[in-house]
Amino acid sequence: MPSRGGDGKLTIMNDEEYYLSQIPKPLPTRLGASKVSSLLQRVIQQKGYAAVQSANELLDVWNEAVGKDLIGQTRVGKVSRGALQVFVPNQVIRTEVEFRKGTILRVLQSRLPEYQIQRLTIRVDR
């Protein structure tokens, strides 16, 4: 069957090509399709699952860094402007954490570089 191509010239098509050319092409949508991975990432961020997972990761590395004797005596807070807040029950534990600060920081920086922890802020939490 004769048909006009995009350049205006008359071309010969077989029946199958002709019928296929008659099927309407889908129009592009205004809201383009999204990848499932980007949708899943957005849901995780909105629901706060990523924060819970990263907090657990920070807690695990903290427990490894301080050692068994200080795990139950310290509580990790948030990271703000390169400083990790640490809460301790008394001045004796605060002094012990201060003494181990260099080792603790090296472990945190090597295992959690994305947090960019530069210092510890140790507070006595009564």
PDB file of N, CA and C in Angstrom:
ATOM      1  N   MET A   1       0.838  -1.183   0.000  1.00  0.00           N
ATOM      2  CA  MET A   1       0.000   0.000   0.000  1.00  0.00           C
ATOM      3  C   MET A   1       0.879   1.240   0.000  1.00  0.00           C
ATOM      4  N   PRO A   2       0.509   2.196  -0.770  1.00  0.00           N
ATOM      5  CA  PRO A   2       1.287   3.433  -0.798  1.00  0.00           C
ATOM      6  C   PRO A   2       1.001   4.277   0.442  1.00  0.00           C
ATOM      7  N   SER A   3       2.020   4.968   0.886  1.00  0.00           N
ATOM      8  CA  SER A   3       1.882   5.828   2.053  1.00  0.00           C
ATOM      9  C   SER A   3       2.915   6.927   1.959  1.00  0.00           C
ATOM     10  N   ARG A   4       2.635   8.036   2.585  1.00  0.00           N
ATOM     11  CA  ARG A   4       3.583   9.151   2.593  1.00  0.00           C
ATOM     12  C   ARG A   4       4.437   9.047   3.855  1.00  0.00           C
ATOM     13  N   GLY A   5       5.730   9.096   3.718  1.00  0.00           N
ATOM     14  CA  GLY A   5       6.657   9.042   4.847  1.00  0.00           C
ATOM     15  C   GLY A   5       6.789  10.403   5.498  1.00  0.00           C
ATOM     16  N   GLY A   6       7.654  10.506   6.493  1.00  0.00           N
ATOM     17  CA  GLY A   6       7.868  11.743   7.223  1.00  0.00           C
ATOM     18  C   GLY A   6       8.466  12.835   6.358  1.00  0.00           C
ATOM     19  N   ASP A   7       9.127  12.444   5.280  1.00  0.00           N
ATOM     20  CA  ASP A   7       9.732  13.445   4.398  1.00  0.00           C
ATOM     21  C   ASP A   7       8.807  13.834   3.250  1.00  0.00           C
ATOM     22  N   GLY A   8       7.567  13.278   3.248  1.00  0.00           N
ATOM     23  CA  GLY A   8       6.577  13.625   2.228  1.00  0.00           C
ATOM     24  C   GLY A   8       6.651  12.774   0.984  1.00  0.00           C
ATOM     25  N   LYS A   9       7.610  11.876   0.850  1.00  0.00           N
ATOM     26  CA  LYS A   9       7.737  11.034  -0.331  1.00  0.00           C
ATOM     27  C   LYS A   9       6.781   9.857  -0.220  1.00  0.00           C
ATOM     28  N   LEU A  10       6.339   9.400  -1.324  1.00  0.00           N
ATOM     29  CA  LEU A  10       5.432   8.266  -1.396  1.00  0.00           C
ATOM     30  C   LEU A  10       6.250   6.982  -1.322  1.00  0.00           C
ATOM     31  N   THR A  11       5.909   6.093  -0.335  1.00  0.00           N
ATOM     32  CA  THR A  11       6.628   4.830  -0.192  1.00  0.00           C
ATOM     33  C   THR A  11       5.632   3.693  -0.253  1.00  0.00           C
ATOM     34  N   ILE A  12       6.125   2.509  -0.565  1.00  0.00           N
ATOM     35  CA  ILE A  12       5.287   1.317  -0.650  1.00  0.00           C
ATOM     36  C   ILE A  12       5.459   0.519   0.632  1.00  0.00           C
ATOM     37  N   MET A  13       4.303   0.151   1.270  1.00  0.00           N
ATOM     38  CA  MET A  13       4.319  -0.642   2.495  1.00  0.00           C
ATOM     39  C   MET A  13       3.580  -1.934   2.258  1.00  0.00           C
ATOM     40  N   ASN A  14       4.015  -2.968   2.977  1.00  0.00           N
ATOM     41  CA  ASN A  14       3.217  -4.184   2.923  1.00  0.00           C
ATOM     42  C   ASN A  14       2.061  -4.020   3.919  1.00  0.00           C
ATOM     43  N   ASP A  15       1.148  -4.984   3.936  1.00  0.00           N
ATOM     44  CA  ASP A  15      -0.049  -4.869   4.784  1.00  0.00           C
ATOM     45  C   ASP A  15       0.303  -4.744   6.265  1.00  0.00           C
ATOM     46  N   GLU A  16       1.265  -5.532   6.700  1.00  0.00           N
ATOM     47  CA  GLU A  16       1.611  -5.523   8.119  1.00  0.00           C
ATOM     48  C   GLU A  16       2.162  -4.153   8.533  1.00  0.00           C
ATOM     49  N   GLU A  17       3.045  -3.597   7.734  1.00  0.00           N
ATOM     50  CA  GLU A  17       3.597  -2.282   8.048  1.00  0.00           C
ATOM     51  C   GLU A  17       2.501  -1.225   8.074  1.00  0.00           C
ATOM     52  N   TYR A  18       1.558  -1.340   7.140  1.00  0.00           N
ATOM     53  CA  TYR A  18       0.474  -0.370   7.080  1.00  0.00           C
ATOM     54  C   TYR A  18      -0.378  -0.431   8.349  1.00  0.00           C
ATOM     55  N   TYR A  19      -0.782  -1.646   8.739  1.00  0.00           N
ATOM     56  CA  TYR A  19      -1.637  -1.780   9.929  1.00  0.00           C
ATOM     57  C   TYR A  19      -0.905  -1.342  11.196  1.00  0.00           C
ATOM     58  N   LEU A  20       0.374  -1.657  11.269  1.00  0.00           N
ATOM     59  CA  LEU A  20       1.142  -1.226  12.432  1.00  0.00           C
ATOM     60  C   LEU A  20       1.275   0.293  12.479  1.00  0.00           C
ATOM     61  N   SER A  21       1.334   0.921  11.325  1.00  0.00           N
ATOM     62  CA  SER A  21       1.458   2.379  11.302  1.00  0.00           C
ATOM     63  C   SER A  21       0.166   3.067  11.724  1.00  0.00           C
ATOM     64  N   GLN A  22      -0.962   2.334  11.682  1.00  0.00           N
ATOM     65  CA  GLN A  22      -2.250   2.900  12.053  1.00  0.00           C
ATOM     66  C   GLN A  22      -2.514   2.872  13.568  1.00  0.00           C
ATOM     67  N   ILE A  23      -1.695   2.131  14.315  1.00  0.00           N
ATOM     68  CA  ILE A  23      -1.857   2.070  15.770  1.00  0.00           C
ATOM     69  C   ILE A  23      -1.404   3.399  16.353  1.00  0.00           C
ATOM     70  N   PRO A  24      -2.263   4.035  17.158  1.00  0.00           N
ATOM     71  CA  PRO A  24      -1.867   5.336  17.718  1.00  0.00           C
ATOM     72  C   PRO A  24      -0.685   5.184  18.686  1.00  0.00           C
ATOM     73  N   LYS A  25       0.231   6.103  18.593  1.00  0.00           N
ATOM     74  CA  LYS A  25       1.397   6.102  19.474  1.00  0.00           C
ATOM     75  C   LYS A  25       1.002   6.738  20.808  1.00  0.00           C
ATOM     76  N   PRO A  26       1.496   6.188  21.945  1.00  0.00           N
ATOM     77  CA  PRO A  26       1.156   6.796  23.230  1.00  0.00           C
ATOM     78  C   PRO A  26       1.772   8.188  23.340  1.00  0.00           C
ATOM     79  N   LEU A  27       1.002   9.084  23.887  1.00  0.00           N
ATOM     80  CA  LEU A  27       1.494  10.441  24.076  1.00  0.00           C
ATOM     81  C   LEU A  27       2.386  10.492  25.313  1.00  0.00           C
ATOM     82  N   PRO A  28       3.434  11.283  25.281  1.00  0.00           N
ATOM     83  CA  PRO A  28       4.273  11.402  26.463  1.00  0.00           C
ATOM     84  C   PRO A  28       3.484  12.031  27.603  1.00  0.00           C
ATOM     85  N   THR A  29       3.675  11.495  28.791  1.00  0.00           N
ATOM     86  CA  THR A  29       2.938  12.030  29.933  1.00  0.00           C
ATOM     87  C   THR A  29       3.684  13.207  30.529  1.00  0.00           C
ATOM     88  N   ARG A  30       2.935  14.009  31.237  1.00  0.00           N
ATOM     89  CA  ARG A  30       3.503  15.165  31.908  1.00  0.00           C
ATOM     90  C   ARG A  30       4.322  14.725  33.112  1.00  0.00           C
ATOM     91  N   LEU A  31       3.944  13.624  33.718  1.00  0.00           N
ATOM     92  CA  LEU A  31       4.587  13.151  34.947  1.00  0.00           C
ATOM     93  C   LEU A  31       5.557  12.025  34.671  1.00  0.00           C
ATOM     94  N   GLY A  32       6.450  12.007  33.907  1.00  0.00           N
ATOM     95  CA  GLY A  32       7.310  10.897  33.551  1.00  0.00           C
ATOM     96  C   GLY A  32       7.420   9.780  34.591  1.00  0.00           C
ATOM     97  N   ALA A  33       7.684   8.612  34.133  1.00  0.00           N
ATOM     98  CA  ALA A  33       7.789   7.461  35.026  1.00  0.00           C
ATOM     99  C   ALA A  33       9.038   7.579  35.892  1.00  0.00           C
ATOM    100  N   SER A  34       8.933   7.093  37.120  1.00  0.00           N
ATOM    101  CA  SER A  34      10.065   7.122  38.055  1.00  0.00           C
ATOM    102  C   SER A  34      10.599   5.717  38.248  1.00  0.00           C
ATOM    103  N   LYS A  35      11.856   5.630  38.547  1.00  0.00           N
ATOM    104  CA  LYS A  35      12.444   4.340  38.849  1.00  0.00           C
ATOM    105  C   LYS A  35      11.943   3.883  40.213  1.00  0.00           C
ATOM    106  N   VAL A  36      11.788   2.583  40.362  1.00  0.00           N
ATOM    107  CA  VAL A  36      11.342   2.024  41.629  1.00  0.00           C
ATOM    108  C   VAL A  36      12.336   2.355  42.735  1.00  0.00           C
ATOM    109  N   SER A  37      13.627   2.336  42.419  1.00  0.00           N
ATOM    110  CA  SER A  37      14.639   2.618  43.441  1.00  0.00           C
ATOM    111  C   SER A  37      14.505   4.037  43.984  1.00  0.00           C
ATOM    112  N   SER A  38      14.193   5.011  43.113  1.00  0.00           N
ATOM    113  CA  SER A  38      14.049   6.383  43.596  1.00  0.00           C
ATOM    114  C   SER A  38      12.777   6.541  44.428  1.00  0.00           C
ATOM    115  N   LEU A  39      11.714   5.829  44.048  1.00  0.00           N
ATOM    116  CA  LEU A  39      10.491   5.868  44.853  1.00  0.00           C
ATOM    117  C   LEU A  39      10.715   5.244  46.221  1.00  0.00           C
ATOM    118  N   LEU A  40      11.407   4.120  46.241  1.00  0.00           N
ATOM    119  CA  LEU A  40      11.698   3.442  47.501  1.00  0.00           C
ATOM    120  C   LEU A  40      12.576   4.314  48.393  1.00  0.00           C
ATOM    121  N   GLN A  41      13.553   4.966  47.816  1.00  0.00           N
ATOM    122  CA  GLN A  41      14.423   5.849  48.584  1.00  0.00           C
ATOM    123  C   GLN A  41      13.620   7.002  49.184  1.00  0.00           C
ATOM    124  N   ARG A  42      12.689   7.562  48.432  1.00  0.00           N
ATOM    125  CA  ARG A  42      11.854   8.654  48.929  1.00  0.00           C
ATOM    126  C   ARG A  42      10.973   8.198  50.096  1.00  0.00           C
ATOM    127  N   VAL A  43      10.405   6.994  49.991  1.00  0.00           N
ATOM    128  CA  VAL A  43       9.574   6.465  51.073  1.00  0.00           C
ATOM    129  C   VAL A  43      10.412   6.242  52.324  1.00  0.00           C
ATOM    130  N   ILE A  44      11.606   5.697  52.155  1.00  0.00           N
ATOM    131  CA  ILE A  44      12.488   5.454  53.300  1.00  0.00           C
ATOM    132  C   ILE A  44      12.829   6.766  53.992  1.00  0.00           C
ATOM    133  N   GLN A  45      13.108   7.809  53.235  1.00  0.00           N
ATOM    134  CA  GLN A  45      13.433   9.101  53.822  1.00  0.00           C
ATOM    135  C   GLN A  45      12.224   9.715  54.524  1.00  0.00           C
ATOM    136  N   GLN A  46      11.045   9.629  53.909  1.00  0.00           N
ATOM    137  CA  GLN A  46       9.853  10.229  54.494  1.00  0.00           C
ATOM    138  C   GLN A  46       9.442   9.535  55.785  1.00  0.00           C
ATOM    139  N   LYS A  47       9.582   8.234  55.823  1.00  0.00           N
ATOM    140  CA  LYS A  47       9.161   7.486  57.002  1.00  0.00           C
ATOM    141  C   LYS A  47      10.224   7.476  58.095  1.00  0.00           C
ATOM    142  N   GLY A  48      11.441   7.910  57.788  1.00  0.00           N
ATOM    143  CA  GLY A  48      12.488   7.974  58.787  1.00  0.00           C
ATOM    144  C   GLY A  48      13.235   6.674  58.999  1.00  0.00           C
ATOM    145  N   TYR A  49      13.040   5.700  58.108  1.00  0.00           N
ATOM    146  CA  TYR A  49      13.728   4.423  58.264  1.00  0.00           C
ATOM    147  C   TYR A  49      15.231   4.574  58.116  1.00  0.00           C
ATOM    148  N   ALA A  50      15.671   5.486  57.268  1.00  0.00           N
ATOM    149  CA  ALA A  50      17.101   5.682  57.055  1.00  0.00           C
ATOM    150  C   ALA A  50      17.761   6.211  58.325  1.00  0.00           C
ATOM    151  N   ALA A  51      17.082   7.105  59.028  1.00  0.00           N
ATOM    152  CA  ALA A  51      17.638   7.657  60.268  1.00  0.00           C
ATOM    153  C   ALA A  51      17.773   6.574  61.328  1.00  0.00           C
ATOM    154  N   VAL A  52      16.782   5.684  61.415  1.00  0.00           N
ATOM    155  CA  VAL A  52      16.843   4.597  62.388  1.00  0.00           C
ATOM    156  C   VAL A  52      17.996   3.665  62.061  1.00  0.00           C
ATOM    157  N   GLN A  53      18.153   3.344  60.797  1.00  0.00           N
ATOM    158  CA  GLN A  53      19.236   2.447  60.385  1.00  0.00           C
ATOM    159  C   GLN A  53      20.601   3.081  60.659  1.00  0.00           C
ATOM    160  N   SER A  54      20.764   4.368  60.342  1.00  0.00           N
ATOM    161  CA  SER A  54      22.053   5.019  60.568  1.00  0.00           C
ATOM    162  C   SER A  54      22.321   5.195  62.054  1.00  0.00           C
ATOM    163  N   ALA A  55      21.289   5.424  62.869  1.00  0.00           N
ATOM    164  CA  ALA A  55      21.472   5.522  64.317  1.00  0.00           C
ATOM    165  C   ALA A  55      21.933   4.188  64.888  1.00  0.00           C
ATOM    166  N   ASN A  56      21.368   3.103  64.402  1.00  0.00           N
ATOM    167  CA  ASN A  56      21.796   1.775  64.853  1.00  0.00           C
ATOM    168  C   ASN A  56      23.240   1.506  64.447  1.00  0.00           C
ATOM    169  N   GLU A  57      23.614   1.937  63.257  1.00  0.00           N
ATOM    170  CA  GLU A  57      24.983   1.756  62.788  1.00  0.00           C
ATOM    171  C   GLU A  57      25.955   2.552  63.668  1.00  0.00           C
ATOM    172  N   LEU A  58      25.587   3.793  63.992  1.00  0.00           N
ATOM    173  CA  LEU A  58      26.420   4.627  64.860  1.00  0.00           C
ATOM    174  C   LEU A  58      26.557   3.994  66.240  1.00  0.00           C
ATOM    175  N   LEU A  59      25.458   3.481  66.773  1.00  0.00           N
ATOM    176  CA  LEU A  59      25.484   2.850  68.088  1.00  0.00           C
ATOM    177  C   LEU A  59      26.371   1.607  68.095  1.00  0.00           C
ATOM    178  N   ASP A  60      26.295   0.802  67.050  1.00  0.00           N
ATOM    179  CA  ASP A  60      27.135  -0.398  66.958  1.00  0.00           C
ATOM    180  C   ASP A  60      28.624  -0.042  66.932  1.00  0.00           C
ATOM    181  N   VAL A  61      28.983   0.952  66.141  1.00  0.00           N
ATOM    182  CA  VAL A  61      30.392   1.354  66.044  1.00  0.00           C
ATOM    183  C   VAL A  61      30.834   1.999  67.361  1.00  0.00           C
ATOM    184  N   TRP A  62      29.960   2.777  67.992  1.00  0.00           N
ATOM    185  CA  TRP A  62      30.294   3.379  69.287  1.00  0.00           C
ATOM    186  C   TRP A  62      30.599   2.292  70.320  1.00  0.00           C
ATOM    187  N   ASN A  63      29.736   1.281  70.390  1.00  0.00           N
ATOM    188  CA  ASN A  63      29.940   0.193  71.350  1.00  0.00           C
ATOM    189  C   ASN A  63      31.263  -0.529  71.099  1.00  0.00           C
ATOM    190  N   GLU A  64      31.623  -0.670  69.852  1.00  0.00           N
ATOM    191  CA  GLU A  64      32.907  -1.290  69.514  1.00  0.00           C
ATOM    192  C   GLU A  64      34.068  -0.387  69.938  1.00  0.00           C
ATOM    193  N   ALA A  65      33.907   0.924  69.756  1.00  0.00           N
ATOM    194  CA  ALA A  65      34.989   1.874  70.024  1.00  0.00           C
ATOM    195  C   ALA A  65      35.259   2.046  71.517  1.00  0.00           C
ATOM    196  N   VAL A  66      34.210   2.076  72.354  1.00  0.00           N
ATOM    197  CA  VAL A  66      34.420   2.351  73.783  1.00  0.00           C
ATOM    198  C   VAL A  66      34.799   1.117  74.580  1.00  0.00           C
ATOM    199  N   GLY A  67      34.467  -0.054  74.088  1.00  0.00           N
ATOM    200  CA  GLY A  67      34.807  -1.281  74.808  1.00  0.00           C
ATOM    201  C   GLY A  67      33.686  -1.712  75.746  1.00  0.00           C
ATOM    202  N   LYS A  68      33.797  -2.941  76.214  1.00  0.00           N
ATOM    203  CA  LYS A  68      32.733  -3.558  77.009  1.00  0.00           C
ATOM    204  C   LYS A  68      32.486  -2.857  78.337  1.00  0.00           C
ATOM    205  N   ASP A  69      33.543  -2.329  78.946  1.00  0.00           N
ATOM    206  CA  ASP A  69      33.374  -1.740  80.269  1.00  0.00           C
ATOM    207  C   ASP A  69      32.632  -0.404  80.262  1.00  0.00           C
ATOM    208  N   LEU A  70      32.568   0.292  79.120  1.00  0.00           N
ATOM    209  CA  LEU A  70      31.873   1.582  79.066  1.00  0.00           C
ATOM    210  C   LEU A  70      30.565   1.549  78.265  1.00  0.00           C
ATOM    211  N   ILE A  71      30.223   0.422  77.680  1.00  0.00           N
ATOM    212  CA  ILE A  71      29.015   0.349  76.853  1.00  0.00           C
ATOM    213  C   ILE A  71      27.776   0.761  77.648  1.00  0.00           C
ATOM    214  N   GLY A  72      27.589   0.204  78.812  1.00  0.00           N
ATOM    215  CA  GLY A  72      26.405   0.513  79.605  1.00  0.00           C
ATOM    216  C   GLY A  72      26.476   1.838  80.328  1.00  0.00           C
ATOM    217  N   GLN A  73      27.647   2.474  80.335  1.00  0.00           N
ATOM    218  CA  GLN A  73      27.843   3.729  81.063  1.00  0.00           C
ATOM    219  C   GLN A  73      27.734   4.964  80.171  1.00  0.00           C
ATOM    220  N   THR A  74      27.611   4.772  78.857  1.00  0.00           N
ATOM    221  CA  THR A  74      27.561   5.909  77.935  1.00  0.00           C
ATOM    222  C   THR A  74      26.319   5.818  77.059  1.00  0.00           C
ATOM    223  N   ARG A  75      25.889   6.976  76.606  1.00  0.00           N
ATOM    224  CA  ARG A  75      24.748   7.047  75.684  1.00  0.00           C
ATOM    225  C   ARG A  75      25.116   8.030  74.583  1.00  0.00           C
ATOM    226  N   VAL A  76      24.929   7.610  73.354  1.00  0.00           N
ATOM    227  CA  VAL A  76      25.299   8.423  72.196  1.00  0.00           C
ATOM    228  C   VAL A  76      24.125   9.312  71.811  1.00  0.00           C
ATOM    229  N   GLY A  77      24.427  10.575  71.522  1.00  0.00           N
ATOM    230  CA  GLY A  77      23.430  11.526  71.046  1.00  0.00           C
ATOM    231  C   GLY A  77      23.557  11.714  69.542  1.00  0.00           C
ATOM    232  N   LYS A  78      23.333  12.928  69.104  1.00  0.00           N
ATOM    233  CA  LYS A  78      23.383  13.203  67.669  1.00  0.00           C
ATOM    234  C   LYS A  78      24.727  13.803  67.270  1.00  0.00           C
ATOM    235  N   VAL A  79      24.973  13.791  65.969  1.00  0.00           N
ATOM    236  CA  VAL A  79      26.169  14.417  65.406  1.00  0.00           C
ATOM    237  C   VAL A  79      25.749  15.768  64.850  1.00  0.00           C
ATOM    238  N   SER A  80      26.417  16.813  65.314  1.00  0.00           N
ATOM    239  CA  SER A  80      26.098  18.160  64.850  1.00  0.00           C
ATOM    240  C   SER A  80      27.388  18.923  64.595  1.00  0.00           C
ATOM    241  N   ARG A  81      27.566  19.384  63.376  1.00  0.00           N
ATOM    242  CA  ARG A  81      28.743  20.155  62.969  1.00  0.00           C
ATOM    243  C   ARG A  81      30.049  19.474  63.346  1.00  0.00           C
ATOM    244  N   GLY A  82      30.107  18.164  63.118  1.00  0.00           N
ATOM    245  CA  GLY A  82      31.335  17.414  63.350  1.00  0.00           C
ATOM    246  C   GLY A  82      31.556  16.968  64.780  1.00  0.00           C
ATOM    247  N   ALA A  83      30.607  17.264  65.681  1.00  0.00           N
ATOM    248  CA  ALA A  83      30.753  16.879  67.084  1.00  0.00           C
ATOM    249  C   ALA A  83      29.695  15.837  67.443  1.00  0.00           C
ATOM    250  N   LEU A  84      30.146  14.736  68.009  1.00  0.00           N
ATOM    251  CA  LEU A  84      29.242  13.688  68.475  1.00  0.00           C
ATOM    252  C   LEU A  84      28.965  13.919  69.949  1.00  0.00           C
ATOM    253  N   GLN A  85      27.692  14.044  70.304  1.00  0.00           N
ATOM    254  CA  GLN A  85      27.314  14.213  71.705  1.00  0.00           C
ATOM    255  C   GLN A  85      27.327  12.857  72.392  1.00  0.00           C
ATOM    256  N   VAL A  86      27.922  12.822  73.574  1.00  0.00           N
ATOM    257  CA  VAL A  86      27.980  11.606  74.371  1.00  0.00           C
ATOM    258  C   VAL A  86      27.525  11.971  75.783  1.00  0.00           C
ATOM    259  N   PHE A  87      26.616  11.179  76.322  1.00  0.00           N
ATOM    260  CA  PHE A  87      26.102  11.418  77.661  1.00  0.00           C
ATOM    261  C   PHE A  87      26.613  10.335  78.600  1.00  0.00           C
ATOM    262  N   VAL A  88      27.104  10.756  79.766  1.00  0.00           N
ATOM    263  CA  VAL A  88      27.635   9.843  80.769  1.00  0.00           C
ATOM    264  C   VAL A  88      26.954  10.140  82.109  1.00  0.00           C
ATOM    265  N   PRO A  89      26.933   9.154  83.038  1.00  0.00           N
ATOM    266  CA  PRO A  89      26.197   9.357  84.287  1.00  0.00           C
ATOM    267  C   PRO A  89      26.935  10.180  85.343  1.00  0.00           C
ATOM    268  N   ASN A  90      28.272  10.226  85.292  1.00  0.00           N
ATOM    269  CA  ASN A  90      29.000  10.956  86.334  1.00  0.00           C
ATOM    270  C   ASN A  90      30.351  11.425  85.813  1.00  0.00           C
ATOM    271  N   GLN A  91      31.052  12.178  86.667  1.00  0.00           N
ATOM    272  CA  GLN A  91      32.321  12.779  86.282  1.00  0.00           C
ATOM    273  C   GLN A  91      33.427  11.733  86.110  1.00  0.00           C
ATOM    274  N   VAL A  92      33.363  10.651  86.846  1.00  0.00           N
ATOM    275  CA  VAL A  92      34.384   9.602  86.732  1.00  0.00           C
ATOM    276  C   VAL A  92      34.353   8.982  85.333  1.00  0.00           C
ATOM    277  N   ILE A  93      33.159   8.646  84.862  1.00  0.00           N
ATOM    278  CA  ILE A  93      33.013   8.074  83.509  1.00  0.00           C
ATOM    279  C   ILE A  93      33.393   9.112  82.461  1.00  0.00           C
ATOM    280  N   ARG A  94      33.065  10.367  82.709  1.00  0.00           N
ATOM    281  CA  ARG A  94      33.429  11.439  81.780  1.00  0.00           C
ATOM    282  C   ARG A  94      34.948  11.494  81.622  1.00  0.00           C
ATOM    283  N   THR A  95      35.669  11.408  82.720  1.00  0.00           N
ATOM    284  CA  THR A  95      37.126  11.432  82.685  1.00  0.00           C
ATOM    285  C   THR A  95      37.676  10.227  81.913  1.00  0.00           C
ATOM    286  N   GLU A  96      37.070   9.070  82.105  1.00  0.00           N
ATOM    287  CA  GLU A  96      37.522   7.859  81.402  1.00  0.00           C
ATOM    288  C   GLU A  96      37.299   7.987  79.896  1.00  0.00           C
ATOM    289  N   VAL A  97      36.154   8.547  79.502  1.00  0.00           N
ATOM    290  CA  VAL A  97      35.887   8.748  78.069  1.00  0.00           C
ATOM    291  C   VAL A  97      36.854   9.781  77.501  1.00  0.00           C
ATOM    292  N   GLU A  98      37.134  10.835  78.255  1.00  0.00           N
ATOM    293  CA  GLU A  98      38.119  11.841  77.822  1.00  0.00           C
ATOM    294  C   GLU A  98      39.484  11.188  77.608  1.00  0.00           C
ATOM    295  N   PHE A  99      39.856  10.285  78.501  1.00  0.00           N
ATOM    296  CA  PHE A  99      41.144   9.592  78.402  1.00  0.00           C
ATOM    297  C   PHE A  99      41.224   8.749  77.136  1.00  0.00           C
ATOM    298  N   ARG A 100      40.110   8.120  76.752  1.00  0.00           N
ATOM    299  CA  ARG A 100      40.074   7.248  75.561  1.00  0.00           C
ATOM    300  C   ARG A 100      39.640   7.970  74.291  1.00  0.00           C
ATOM    301  N   LYS A 101      39.461   9.267  74.352  1.00  0.00           N
ATOM    302  CA  LYS A 101      38.897  10.045  73.245  1.00  0.00           C
ATOM    303  C   LYS A 101      39.640   9.836  71.924  1.00  0.00           C
ATOM    304  N   GLY A 102      40.955   9.836  71.941  1.00  0.00           N
ATOM    305  CA  GLY A 102      41.731   9.679  70.700  1.00  0.00           C
ATOM    306  C   GLY A 102      41.465   8.359  70.015  1.00  0.00           C
ATOM    307  N   THR A 103      41.458   7.286  70.781  1.00  0.00           N
ATOM    308  CA  THR A 103      41.193   5.956  70.223  1.00  0.00           C
ATOM    309  C   THR A 103      39.765   5.874  69.697  1.00  0.00           C
ATOM    310  N   ILE A 104      38.835   6.396  70.471  1.00  0.00           N
ATOM    311  CA  ILE A 104      37.418   6.361  70.077  1.00  0.00           C
ATOM    312  C   ILE A 104      37.214   7.125  68.773  1.00  0.00           C
ATOM    313  N   LEU A 105      37.807   8.309  68.680  1.00  0.00           N
ATOM    314  CA  LEU A 105      37.659   9.110  67.455  1.00  0.00           C
ATOM    315  C   LEU A 105      38.249   8.411  66.238  1.00  0.00           C
ATOM    316  N   ARG A 106      39.397   7.768  66.402  1.00  0.00           N
ATOM    317  CA  ARG A 106      40.009   7.053  65.266  1.00  0.00           C
ATOM    318  C   ARG A 106      39.091   5.940  64.767  1.00  0.00           C
ATOM    319  N   VAL A 107      38.495   5.190  65.680  1.00  0.00           N
ATOM    320  CA  VAL A 107      37.590   4.101  65.275  1.00  0.00           C
ATOM    321  C   VAL A 107      36.359   4.681  64.575  1.00  0.00           C
ATOM    322  N   LEU A 108      35.766   5.721  65.154  1.00  0.00           N
ATOM    323  CA  LEU A 108      34.575   6.320  64.550  1.00  0.00           C
ATOM    324  C   LEU A 108      34.869   6.887  63.162  1.00  0.00           C
ATOM    325  N   GLN A 109      35.992   7.570  63.016  1.00  0.00           N
ATOM    326  CA  GLN A 109      36.337   8.178  61.739  1.00  0.00           C
ATOM    327  C   GLN A 109      36.654   7.137  60.675  1.00  0.00           C
ATOM    328  N   SER A 110      37.272   6.023  61.065  1.00  0.00           N
ATOM    329  CA  SER A 110      37.602   5.000  60.071  1.00  0.00           C
ATOM    330  C   SER A 110      36.375   4.188  59.669  1.00  0.00           C
ATOM    331  N   ARG A 111      35.472   3.913  60.600  1.00  0.00           N
ATOM    332  CA  ARG A 111      34.307   3.080  60.305  1.00  0.00           C
ATOM    333  C   ARG A 111      33.121   3.874  59.791  1.00  0.00           C
ATOM    334  N   LEU A 112      33.028   5.157  60.140  1.00  0.00           N
ATOM    335  CA  LEU A 112      31.885   5.985  59.729  1.00  0.00           C
ATOM    336  C   LEU A 112      32.364   7.300  59.108  1.00  0.00           C
ATOM    337  N   PRO A 113      33.077   7.251  57.988  1.00  0.00           N
ATOM    338  CA  PRO A 113      33.590   8.500  57.403  1.00  0.00           C
ATOM    339  C   PRO A 113      32.487   9.455  56.945  1.00  0.00           C
ATOM    340  N   GLU A 114      31.304   8.925  56.627  1.00  0.00           N
ATOM    341  CA  GLU A 114      30.216   9.786  56.151  1.00  0.00           C
ATOM    342  C   GLU A 114      29.688  10.724  57.231  1.00  0.00           C
ATOM    343  N   TYR A 115      29.905  10.400  58.499  1.00  0.00           N
ATOM    344  CA  TYR A 115      29.459  11.263  59.592  1.00  0.00           C
ATOM    345  C   TYR A 115      30.394  12.451  59.812  1.00  0.00           C
ATOM    346  N   GLN A 116      31.624  12.361  59.379  1.00  0.00           N
ATOM    347  CA  GLN A 116      32.635  13.413  59.515  1.00  0.00           C
ATOM    348  C   GLN A 116      32.779  13.880  60.965  1.00  0.00           C
ATOM    349  N   ILE A 117      32.928  12.921  61.872  1.00  0.00           N
ATOM    350  CA  ILE A 117      33.059  13.234  63.295  1.00  0.00           C
ATOM    351  C   ILE A 117      34.483  13.713  63.564  1.00  0.00           C
ATOM    352  N   GLN A 118      34.615  14.920  64.125  1.00  0.00           N
ATOM    353  CA  GLN A 118      35.914  15.507  64.406  1.00  0.00           C
ATOM    354  C   GLN A 118      36.206  15.580  65.902  1.00  0.00           C
ATOM    355  N   ARG A 119      35.159  15.602  66.733  1.00  0.00           N
ATOM    356  CA  ARG A 119      35.362  15.725  68.174  1.00  0.00           C
ATOM    357  C   ARG A 119      34.181  15.115  68.930  1.00  0.00           C
ATOM    358  N   LEU A 120      34.403  14.879  70.201  1.00  0.00           N
ATOM    359  CA  LEU A 120      33.352  14.378  71.092  1.00  0.00           C
ATOM    360  C   LEU A 120      32.959  15.470  72.060  1.00  0.00           C
ATOM    361  N   THR A 121      31.663  15.634  72.260  1.00  0.00           N
ATOM    362  CA  THR A 121      31.155  16.539  73.284  1.00  0.00           C
ATOM    363  C   THR A 121      30.579  15.655  74.375  1.00  0.00           C
ATOM    364  N   ILE A 122      31.259  15.623  75.521  1.00  0.00           N
ATOM    365  CA  ILE A 122      30.881  14.708  76.601  1.00  0.00           C
ATOM    366  C   ILE A 122      30.135  15.512  77.666  1.00  0.00           C
ATOM    367  N   ARG A 123      28.923  15.062  77.975  1.00  0.00           N
ATOM    368  CA  ARG A 123      28.083  15.752  78.956  1.00  0.00           C
ATOM    369  C   ARG A 123      27.664  14.794  80.045  1.00  0.00           C
ATOM    370  N   VAL A 124      27.696  15.291  81.286  1.00  0.00           N
ATOM    371  CA  VAL A 124      27.213  14.494  82.409  1.00  0.00           C
ATOM    372  C   VAL A 124      25.694  14.634  82.431  1.00  0.00           C
ATOM    373  N   ASP A 125      25.012  13.510  82.306  1.00  0.00           N
ATOM    374  CA  ASP A 125      23.549  13.475  82.252  1.00  0.00           C
ATOM    375  C   ASP A 125      23.049  12.891  83.571  1.00  0.00           C
ATOM    376  N   ARG A 126      22.554  13.721  84.404  1.00  0.00           N
ATOM    377  CA  ARG A 126      22.133  13.271  85.750  1.00  0.00           C
ATOM    378  C   ARG A 126      20.726  12.771  85.755  1.00  0.00           C
TER     379      ARG A 126
END
